[in-house]
Amino acid sequence: MFLRRCTAIACCLVLALYVLRHPAGAARSVAAVLAGLAALADALAAFFTAL
C-alpha cells in the first residue's frame, strides 16, 4: 500500500511539473485525450444502437 501511494504521488508530481513547464503541450495533450474519449463514446453508442 505504501508503494502504491508513493507511486501515485510521484505520478501527480510529474504531471504537475509537465503542466507547469509546458502548458501549451499539456493543453494539446488534454485536447487529444478528450477527443479520443469522445470518439470512443461515439463508437460505443453506434455499436450499442446497432445491437
PDB file of N, CA and C in Angstrom:
ATOM      1  N   MET A   1       0.826  -1.184   0.000  1.00  0.00           N
ATOM      2  CA  MET A   1       0.000   0.000   0.000  1.00  0.00           C
ATOM      3  C   MET A   1       0.875   1.253   0.000  1.00  0.00           C
ATOM      4  N   PHE A   2       1.954   1.214   0.765  1.00  0.00           N
ATOM      5  CA  PHE A   2       2.861   2.360   0.827  1.00  0.00           C
ATOM      6  C   PHE A   2       3.475   2.641  -0.532  1.00  0.00           C
ATOM      7  N   LEU A   3       3.877   1.586  -1.216  1.00  0.00           N
ATOM      8  CA  LEU A   3       4.498   1.755  -2.533  1.00  0.00           C
ATOM      9  C   LEU A   3       3.494   2.312  -3.537  1.00  0.00           C
ATOM     10  N   ARG A   4       2.250   1.903  -3.435  1.00  0.00           N
ATOM     11  CA  ARG A   4       1.209   2.417  -4.330  1.00  0.00           C
ATOM     12  C   ARG A   4       0.998   3.910  -4.105  1.00  0.00           C
ATOM     13  N   ARG A   5       0.987   4.334  -2.839  1.00  0.00           N
ATOM     14  CA  ARG A   5       0.825   5.757  -2.536  1.00  0.00           C
ATOM     15  C   ARG A   5       2.014   6.562  -3.036  1.00  0.00           C
ATOM     16  N   CYS A   6       3.205   6.037  -2.848  1.00  0.00           N
ATOM     17  CA  CYS A   6       4.400   6.735  -3.338  1.00  0.00           C
ATOM     18  C   CYS A   6       4.374   6.860  -4.857  1.00  0.00           C
ATOM     19  N   THR A   7       3.932   5.830  -5.533  1.00  0.00           N
ATOM     20  CA  THR A   7       3.840   5.865  -6.992  1.00  0.00           C
ATOM     21  C   THR A   7       2.800   6.881  -7.445  1.00  0.00           C
ATOM     22  N   ALA A   8       1.672   6.940  -6.776  1.00  0.00           N
ATOM     23  CA  ALA A   8       0.629   7.903  -7.133  1.00  0.00           C
ATOM     24  C   ALA A   8       1.107   9.333  -6.909  1.00  0.00           C
ATOM     25  N   ILE A   9       1.802   9.566  -5.818  1.00  0.00           N
ATOM     26  CA  ILE A   9       2.337  10.902  -5.538  1.00  0.00           C
ATOM     27  C   ILE A   9       3.377  11.287  -6.576  1.00  0.00           C
ATOM     28  N   ALA A  10       4.243  10.354  -6.942  1.00  0.00           N
ATOM     29  CA  ALA A  10       5.258  10.635  -7.958  1.00  0.00           C
ATOM     30  C   ALA A  10       4.612  10.930  -9.304  1.00  0.00           C
ATOM     31  N   CYS A  11       3.575  10.195  -9.652  1.00  0.00           N
ATOM     32  CA  CYS A  11       2.869  10.426 -10.917  1.00  0.00           C
ATOM     33  C   CYS A  11       2.226  11.809 -10.924  1.00  0.00           C
ATOM     34  N   CYS A  12       1.572  12.181  -9.849  1.00  0.00           N
ATOM     35  CA  CYS A  12       0.962  13.512  -9.766  1.00  0.00           C
ATOM     36  C   CYS A  12       2.011  14.605  -9.836  1.00  0.00           C
ATOM     37  N   LEU A  13       3.150  14.390  -9.209  1.00  0.00           N
ATOM     38  CA  LEU A  13       4.235  15.368  -9.244  1.00  0.00           C
ATOM     39  C   LEU A  13       4.776  15.536 -10.653  1.00  0.00           C
ATOM     40  N   VAL A  14       4.970  14.442 -11.356  1.00  0.00           N
ATOM     41  CA  VAL A  14       5.465  14.508 -12.736  1.00  0.00           C
ATOM     42  C   VAL A  14       4.459  15.222 -13.627  1.00  0.00           C
ATOM     43  N   LEU A  15       3.173  14.906 -13.478  1.00  0.00           N
ATOM     44  CA  LEU A  15       2.149  15.582 -14.278  1.00  0.00           C
ATOM     45  C   LEU A  15       2.086  17.072 -13.970  1.00  0.00           C
ATOM     46  N   ALA A  16       2.180  17.434 -12.703  1.00  0.00           N
ATOM     47  CA  ALA A  16       2.147  18.849 -12.329  1.00  0.00           C
ATOM     48  C   ALA A  16       3.348  19.594 -12.896  1.00  0.00           C
ATOM     49  N   LEU A  17       4.525  18.988 -12.828  1.00  0.00           N
ATOM     50  CA  LEU A  17       5.710  19.638 -13.385  1.00  0.00           C
ATOM     51  C   LEU A  17       5.610  19.772 -14.895  1.00  0.00           C
ATOM     52  N   TYR A  18       5.033  18.780 -15.559  1.00  0.00           N
ATOM     53  CA  TYR A  18       4.850  18.862 -17.012  1.00  0.00           C
ATOM     54  C   TYR A  18       3.916  20.014 -17.367  1.00  0.00           C
ATOM     55  N   VAL A  19       2.818  20.141 -16.622  1.00  0.00           N
ATOM     56  CA  VAL A  19       1.860  21.218 -16.892  1.00  0.00           C
ATOM     57  C   VAL A  19       2.490  22.578 -16.622  1.00  0.00           C
ATOM     58  N   LEU A  20       3.279  22.679 -15.566  1.00  0.00           N
ATOM     59  CA  LEU A  20       3.901  23.960 -15.237  1.00  0.00           C
ATOM     60  C   LEU A  20       4.995  24.345 -16.224  1.00  0.00           C
ATOM     61  N   ARG A  21       5.747  23.379 -16.713  1.00  0.00           N
ATOM     62  CA  ARG A  21       6.868  23.690 -17.598  1.00  0.00           C
ATOM     63  C   ARG A  21       6.473  23.763 -19.064  1.00  0.00           C
ATOM     64  N   HIS A  22       5.427  23.048 -19.459  1.00  0.00           N
ATOM     65  CA  HIS A  22       4.991  23.008 -20.857  1.00  0.00           C
ATOM     66  C   HIS A  22       3.470  23.150 -20.933  1.00  0.00           C
ATOM     67  N   PRO A  23       2.937  24.331 -20.628  1.00  0.00           N
ATOM     68  CA  PRO A  23       1.472  24.462 -20.598  1.00  0.00           C
ATOM     69  C   PRO A  23       0.814  24.274 -21.960  1.00  0.00           C
ATOM     70  N   ALA A  24       1.455  24.717 -23.030  1.00  0.00           N
ATOM     71  CA  ALA A  24       0.852  24.558 -24.361  1.00  0.00           C
ATOM     72  C   ALA A  24       0.806  23.085 -24.757  1.00  0.00           C
ATOM     73  N   GLY A  25       1.880  22.372 -24.498  1.00  0.00           N
ATOM     74  CA  GLY A  25       1.901  20.939 -24.793  1.00  0.00           C
ATOM     75  C   GLY A  25       0.905  20.173 -23.948  1.00  0.00           C
ATOM     76  N   ALA A  26       0.760  20.575 -22.695  1.00  0.00           N
ATOM     77  CA  ALA A  26      -0.205  19.914 -21.821  1.00  0.00           C
ATOM     78  C   ALA A  26      -1.629  20.157 -22.309  1.00  0.00           C
ATOM     79  N   ALA A  27      -1.901  21.371 -22.773  1.00  0.00           N
ATOM     80  CA  ALA A  27      -3.239  21.671 -23.285  1.00  0.00           C
ATOM     81  C   ALA A  27      -3.535  20.856 -24.537  1.00  0.00           C
ATOM     82  N   ARG A  28      -2.540  20.718 -25.412  1.00  0.00           N
ATOM     83  CA  ARG A  28      -2.743  19.900 -26.613  1.00  0.00           C
ATOM     84  C   ARG A  28      -2.949  18.437 -26.239  1.00  0.00           C
ATOM     85  N   SER A  29      -2.211  17.965 -25.248  1.00  0.00           N
ATOM     86  CA  SER A  29      -2.357  16.573 -24.810  1.00  0.00           C
ATOM     87  C   SER A  29      -3.750  16.317 -24.248  1.00  0.00           C
ATOM     88  N   VAL A  30      -4.235  17.235 -23.427  1.00  0.00           N
ATOM     89  CA  VAL A  30      -5.569  17.081 -22.846  1.00  0.00           C
ATOM     90  C   VAL A  30      -6.625  17.116 -23.945  1.00  0.00           C
ATOM     91  N   ALA A  31      -6.471  18.020 -24.900  1.00  0.00           N
ATOM     92  CA  ALA A  31      -7.433  18.099 -26.003  1.00  0.00           C
ATOM     93  C   ALA A  31      -7.430  16.809 -26.817  1.00  0.00           C
ATOM     94  N   ALA A  32      -6.252  16.242 -27.052  1.00  0.00           N
ATOM     95  CA  ALA A  32      -6.167  14.998 -27.816  1.00  0.00           C
ATOM     96  C   ALA A  32      -6.800  13.838 -27.053  1.00  0.00           C
ATOM     97  N   VAL A  33      -6.558  13.768 -25.756  1.00  0.00           N
ATOM     98  CA  VAL A  33      -7.147  12.692 -24.949  1.00  0.00           C
ATOM     99  C   VAL A  33      -8.666  12.818 -24.918  1.00  0.00           C
ATOM    100  N   LEU A  34      -9.163  14.037 -24.740  1.00  0.00           N
ATOM    101  CA  LEU A  34     -10.614  14.231 -24.707  1.00  0.00           C
ATOM    102  C   LEU A  34     -11.250  13.946 -26.061  1.00  0.00           C
ATOM    103  N   ALA A  35     -10.573  14.301 -27.136  1.00  0.00           N
ATOM    104  CA  ALA A  35     -11.097  13.984 -28.468  1.00  0.00           C
ATOM    105  C   ALA A  35     -11.137  12.474 -28.680  1.00  0.00           C
ATOM    106  N   GLY A  36     -10.125  11.773 -28.201  1.00  0.00           N
ATOM    107  CA  GLY A  36     -10.118  10.316 -28.297  1.00  0.00           C
ATOM    108  C   GLY A  36     -11.234   9.685 -27.485  1.00  0.00           C
ATOM    109  N   LEU A  37     -11.470  10.207 -26.286  1.00  0.00           N
ATOM    110  CA  LEU A  37     -12.561   9.685 -25.462  1.00  0.00           C
ATOM    111  C   LEU A  37     -13.920   9.966 -26.097  1.00  0.00           C
ATOM    112  N   ALA A  38     -14.064  11.129 -26.717  1.00  0.00           N
ATOM    113  CA  ALA A  38     -15.321  11.448 -27.401  1.00  0.00           C
ATOM    114  C   ALA A  38     -15.541  10.512 -28.583  1.00  0.00           C
ATOM    115  N   ALA A  39     -14.486  10.223 -29.322  1.00  0.00           N
ATOM    116  CA  ALA A  39     -14.607   9.291 -30.448  1.00  0.00           C
ATOM    117  C   ALA A  39     -14.961   7.891 -29.954  1.00  0.00           C
ATOM    118  N   LEU A  40     -14.362   7.481 -28.850  1.00  0.00           N
ATOM    119  CA  LEU A  40     -14.681   6.179 -28.269  1.00  0.00           C
ATOM    120  C   LEU A  40     -16.137   6.124 -27.814  1.00  0.00           C
ATOM    121  N   ALA A  41     -16.620   7.196 -27.202  1.00  0.00           N
ATOM    122  CA  ALA A  41     -18.020   7.237 -26.774  1.00  0.00           C
ATOM    123  C   ALA A  41     -18.956   7.166 -27.972  1.00  0.00           C
ATOM    124  N   ASP A  42     -18.622   7.874 -29.045  1.00  0.00           N
ATOM    125  CA  ASP A  42     -19.449   7.811 -30.258  1.00  0.00           C
ATOM    126  C   ASP A  42     -19.456   6.406 -30.850  1.00  0.00           C
ATOM    127  N   ALA A  43     -18.299   5.764 -30.863  1.00  0.00           N
ATOM    128  CA  ALA A  43     -18.216   4.411 -31.408  1.00  0.00           C
ATOM    129  C   ALA A  43     -19.020   3.426 -30.559  1.00  0.00           C
ATOM    130  N   LEU A  44     -18.929   3.554 -29.246  1.00  0.00           N
ATOM    131  CA  LEU A  44     -19.707   2.670 -28.374  1.00  0.00           C
ATOM    132  C   LEU A  44     -21.202   2.910 -28.530  1.00  0.00           C
ATOM    133  N   ALA A  45     -21.594   4.174 -28.671  1.00  0.00           N
ATOM    134  CA  ALA A  45     -23.013   4.476 -28.861  1.00  0.00           C
ATOM    135  C   ALA A  45     -23.517   3.880 -30.173  1.00  0.00           C
ATOM    136  N   ALA A  46     -22.729   3.999 -31.224  1.00  0.00           N
ATOM    137  CA  ALA A  46     -23.131   3.427 -32.512  1.00  0.00           C
ATOM    138  C   ALA A  46     -23.206   1.904 -32.434  1.00  0.00           C
ATOM    139  N   PHE A  47     -22.266   1.308 -31.716  1.00  0.00           N
ATOM    140  CA  PHE A  47     -22.259  -0.149 -31.571  1.00  0.00           C
ATOM    141  C   PHE A  47     -23.496  -0.635 -30.823  1.00  0.00           C
ATOM    142  N   PHE A  48     -23.817   0.027 -29.715  1.00  0.00           N
ATOM    143  CA  PHE A  48     -24.939  -0.441 -28.912  1.00  0.00           C
ATOM    144  C   PHE A  48     -26.284  -0.121 -29.543  1.00  0.00           C
ATOM    145  N   THR A  49     -26.366   0.916 -30.361  1.00  0.00           N
ATOM    146  CA  THR A  49     -27.628   1.160 -31.062  1.00  0.00           C
ATOM    147  C   THR A  49     -27.817   0.164 -32.197  1.00  0.00           C
ATOM    148  N   ALA A  50     -26.723  -0.392 -32.711  1.00  0.00           N
ATOM    149  CA  ALA A  50     -26.826  -1.377 -33.788  1.00  0.00           C
ATOM    150  C   ALA A  50     -27.244  -2.750 -33.263  1.00  0.00           C
ATOM    151  N   LEU A  51     -27.118  -2.965 -31.978  1.00  0.00           N
ATOM    152  CA  LEU A  51     -27.485  -4.274 -31.414  1.00  0.00           C
ATOM    153  C   LEU A  51     -28.948  -4.471 -31.414  1.00  0.00           C
TER     154      LEU A  51
END
